[in-house]
Amino acid sequence: MALHHQLPIYKLAYDLLSVTTDITRNIPRDFKRLIGEKVREECVEILVLIFRANVARNKTPHIEDLLERLQVVELLLRLSKDKRFISTKQYARAIEITDGIGRQATGWKRHAAAAPAV
């Protein structure tokens, strides 16, 4: 079993945290806490869920939670773009990362479900 911080999905999730930290910096004060802080919290929770899934025997529940939180991040980023709090370029970069995380998490979930029970 690889260390969680060496996994490609962990590296992408960390990149997402870094990108969202940068792009939420310029959100208007009225929405910074509501949207910006929530996006960062969800990104941190995604990293925690990657760790939990990596060490768990039954990975599926953690990966499902991860995918749900990823949807929340995508929703908040889309709202930020629609309200013009972030640029289309910033949104595109963040969504590119979330897509990569989603693909890897889905593959990991499929692999975990197919693995024989130990």
Protein backbone atom coordinates (compact mmCIF):
# COMPACT_ATOMS: atom_id res chain seq x y z
CA MET A 1 0.00 0.00 0.00
CA ALA A 2 1.40 3.36 -1.02
CA LEU A 3 1.56 6.26 1.38
CA HIS A 4 -1.46 8.49 0.86
CA HIS A 5 0.63 11.54 -0.05
CA GLN A 6 2.33 9.58 -2.86
CA LEU A 7 -0.93 8.69 -4.63
CA PRO A 8 -1.67 10.51 -7.91
CA ILE A 9 -5.20 11.31 -6.69
CA TYR A 10 -3.77 12.89 -3.52
CA LYS A 11 -1.42 15.04 -5.58
CA LEU A 12 -4.33 16.23 -7.74
CA ALA A 13 -6.44 16.94 -4.67
CA TYR A 14 -3.61 18.97 -3.17
CA ASP A 15 -3.33 20.89 -6.45
CA LEU A 16 -7.07 21.58 -6.23
CA LEU A 17 -6.66 22.93 -2.69
CA SER A 18 -3.81 25.15 -3.86
CA VAL A 19 -5.75 26.46 -6.88
CA THR A 20 -8.93 27.09 -4.91
CA THR A 21 -6.98 28.88 -2.20
CA ASP A 22 -5.58 31.22 -4.84
CA ILE A 23 -8.80 31.85 -6.74
CA THR A 24 -11.02 32.37 -3.70
CA ARG A 25 -8.70 35.09 -2.44
CA ASN A 26 -10.44 37.67 -4.64
CA ILE A 27 -14.03 36.73 -3.90
CA PRO A 28 -15.96 39.73 -2.54
CA ARG A 29 -15.98 39.95 1.24
CA ASP A 30 -19.73 39.29 1.43
CA PHE A 31 -19.26 35.86 -0.14
CA LYS A 32 -15.72 34.99 0.87
CA ARG A 33 -16.77 33.13 3.98
CA LEU A 34 -19.87 31.55 2.50
CA ILE A 35 -18.29 30.31 -0.72
CA GLY A 36 -14.51 30.62 -0.45
CA GLU A 37 -14.17 29.07 2.97
CA LYS A 38 -16.61 26.26 2.11
CA VAL A 39 -14.65 25.39 -1.05
CA ARG A 40 -11.38 25.19 0.90
CA GLU A 41 -12.97 23.13 3.68
CA GLU A 42 -14.36 20.66 1.15
CA CYS A 43 -10.95 20.37 -0.53
CA VAL A 44 -9.30 19.59 2.81
CA GLU A 45 -11.99 16.99 3.52
CA ILE A 46 -11.31 15.40 0.11
CA LEU A 47 -7.66 15.01 1.13
CA VAL A 48 -8.74 13.43 4.43
CA LEU A 49 -11.06 11.02 2.63
CA ILE A 50 -8.24 9.96 0.31
CA PHE A 51 -6.19 9.10 3.38
CA ARG A 52 -9.10 7.22 4.95
CA ALA A 53 -9.81 5.26 1.78
CA ASN A 54 -6.14 4.38 1.41
CA VAL A 55 -5.92 2.80 4.87
CA ALA A 56 -9.42 1.25 5.01
CA ARG A 57 -10.24 -2.32 4.10
CA ASN A 58 -13.59 -1.20 2.71
CA LYS A 59 -12.65 1.79 0.59
CA THR A 60 -15.99 2.28 -1.15
CA PRO A 61 -17.79 4.41 1.49
CA HIS A 62 -14.87 6.82 1.73
CA ILE A 63 -14.58 7.12 -2.03
CA GLU A 64 -18.33 7.74 -2.34
CA ASP A 65 -18.04 10.53 0.26
CA LEU A 66 -15.07 11.92 -1.66
CA LEU A 67 -17.09 12.00 -4.91
CA GLU A 68 -19.98 13.74 -3.14
CA ARG A 69 -17.70 16.43 -1.73
CA LEU A 70 -16.12 16.85 -5.14
CA GLN A 71 -19.59 17.62 -6.52
CA VAL A 72 -20.04 20.29 -3.86
CA VAL A 73 -16.72 21.89 -4.85
CA GLU A 74 -17.72 21.86 -8.52
CA LEU A 75 -21.10 23.41 -7.68
CA LEU A 76 -19.56 26.21 -5.63
CA LEU A 77 -16.95 26.90 -8.30
CA ARG A 78 -19.65 27.08 -10.96
CA LEU A 79 -21.64 29.50 -8.81
CA SER A 80 -18.50 31.60 -8.36
CA LYS A 81 -17.98 31.71 -12.11
CA ASP A 82 -21.63 32.49 -12.84
CA LYS A 83 -21.55 35.35 -10.32
CA ARG A 84 -18.25 36.49 -11.85
CA PHE A 85 -16.32 36.09 -8.62
CA ILE A 86 -13.72 34.06 -10.52
CA SER A 87 -12.70 34.16 -14.16
CA THR A 88 -13.59 31.53 -16.73
CA LYS A 89 -9.89 30.65 -16.97
CA GLN A 90 -9.67 30.06 -13.21
CA TYR A 91 -12.85 28.00 -13.31
CA ALA A 92 -11.57 25.92 -16.22
CA ARG A 93 -8.31 25.15 -14.40
CA ALA A 94 -10.11 24.07 -11.24
CA ILE A 95 -12.64 21.93 -13.13
CA GLU A 96 -9.84 20.27 -15.07
CA ILE A 97 -8.40 19.15 -11.74
CA THR A 98 -11.78 18.04 -10.35
CA ASP A 99 -12.36 15.95 -13.48
CA GLY A 100 -9.04 14.21 -12.95
CA ILE A 101 -9.87 13.53 -9.31
CA GLY A 102 -13.31 12.22 -10.26
CA ARG A 103 -11.91 9.86 -12.90
CA GLN A 104 -9.29 8.48 -10.52
CA ALA A 105 -11.76 8.12 -7.65
CA THR A 106 -14.27 6.32 -9.86
CA GLY A 107 -11.58 3.93 -11.08
CA TRP A 108 -10.39 3.36 -7.52
CA LYS A 109 -13.97 2.67 -6.42
CA ARG A 110 -14.49 0.18 -9.25
CA HIS A 111 -11.22 -1.56 -8.42
CA ALA A 112 -12.07 -1.67 -4.70
CA ALA A 113 -15.52 -3.13 -5.39
CA ALA A 114 -14.04 -5.84 -7.64
CA ALA A 115 -11.31 -6.79 -5.15
CA PRO A 116 -11.97 -9.94 -3.14
CA ALA A 117 -12.95 -9.41 0.48
CA VAL A 118 -10.11 -10.08 2.89
